[in-house]
Amino acid sequence: MVMIEVKTFRDPEIWYNILKRCFGDLEKRTLDELRAVVDSPSFDPKNLLLAEVEGSPAGCLWIRRLPKEDR
């Protein structure tokens, strides 16, 4: 049985590596752009989730708010 652990994180390098592994050249964000997102005062680390399998990164999910409060 494989256990997936999900936790919050702020490491832009892990985020970058997962995106590049999943999307290759389709992903156009640079590591510097992801660092800027993570370092932004509006960034909430609770919204960036990292899935780990046996202690290694397996995927990530960024939860963003919609622009309107009622949606």
Protein backbone atom coordinates (compact mmCIF):
# COMPACT_ATOMS: atom_id res chain seq x y z
CA MET A 1 0.00 0.00 0.00
CA VAL A 2 1.31 3.45 -0.97
CA MET A 3 0.55 6.28 1.40
CA ILE A 4 0.24 9.79 0.04
CA GLU A 5 0.94 12.56 2.52
CA VAL A 6 -0.26 16.07 1.68
CA LYS A 7 1.18 19.10 3.43
CA THR A 8 1.68 22.79 2.81
CA PHE A 9 5.00 24.06 1.53
CA ARG A 10 6.80 27.17 0.25
CA ASP A 11 9.72 25.72 -1.68
CA PRO A 12 9.68 27.17 -5.22
CA GLU A 13 12.35 24.73 -6.44
CA ILE A 14 10.19 21.69 -5.65
CA TRP A 15 7.22 23.41 -7.30
CA TYR A 16 9.31 24.23 -10.39
CA ASN A 17 10.69 20.68 -10.70
CA ILE A 18 7.23 19.12 -10.44
CA LEU A 19 5.81 21.48 -13.08
CA LYS A 20 8.71 20.81 -15.45
CA ARG A 21 8.44 17.05 -14.94
CA CYS A 22 4.69 17.09 -15.60
CA PHE A 23 4.45 19.66 -18.39
CA GLY A 24 7.95 19.89 -19.87
CA ASP A 25 8.30 22.76 -22.34
CA LEU A 26 4.59 23.61 -22.06
CA GLU A 27 5.27 25.14 -18.63
CA LYS A 28 6.66 28.62 -19.23
CA ARG A 29 7.08 29.83 -15.63
CA THR A 30 10.67 30.30 -14.56
CA LEU A 31 12.09 29.49 -11.16
CA ASP A 32 12.49 33.22 -10.53
CA GLU A 33 8.79 33.80 -11.28
CA LEU A 34 7.79 31.05 -8.84
CA ARG A 35 10.11 32.52 -6.20
CA ALA A 36 8.38 35.88 -6.68
CA VAL A 37 4.98 34.24 -6.13
CA VAL A 38 6.11 32.47 -2.95
CA ASP A 39 7.81 35.64 -1.63
CA SER A 40 4.78 37.83 -2.36
CA PRO A 41 2.98 39.19 0.73
CA SER A 42 -0.32 38.00 -0.76
CA PHE A 43 0.88 34.38 -1.04
CA ASP A 44 -0.74 32.04 1.48
CA PRO A 45 1.35 28.87 1.96
CA LYS A 46 -1.76 27.01 3.14
CA ASN A 47 -2.94 27.14 -0.49
CA LEU A 48 0.10 25.38 -1.97
CA LEU A 49 -0.10 21.68 -1.22
CA LEU A 50 2.60 19.08 -1.78
CA ALA A 51 1.82 15.40 -2.18
CA GLU A 52 4.59 13.06 -1.07
CA VAL A 53 4.91 9.33 -1.63
CA GLU A 54 7.46 7.57 0.58
CA GLY A 55 9.00 10.94 1.46
CA SER A 56 9.52 12.13 -2.14
CA PRO A 57 7.52 14.86 -3.92
CA ALA A 58 4.84 13.36 -6.15
CA GLY A 59 2.73 16.36 -7.10
CA CYS A 60 1.50 19.78 -6.07
CA LEU A 61 -1.72 21.73 -6.09
CA TRP A 62 -2.14 25.49 -5.81
CA ILE A 63 -5.55 26.61 -4.59
CA ARG A 64 -6.36 30.16 -5.68
CA ARG A 65 -9.30 32.31 -4.76
CA LEU A 66 -11.67 33.42 -7.45
CA PRO A 67 -11.74 37.16 -8.10
CA LYS A 68 -15.28 37.63 -6.77
CA GLU A 69 -16.10 37.01 -3.11
CA ASP A 70 -19.46 35.39 -3.91
CA ARG A 71 -17.97 32.67 -6.13
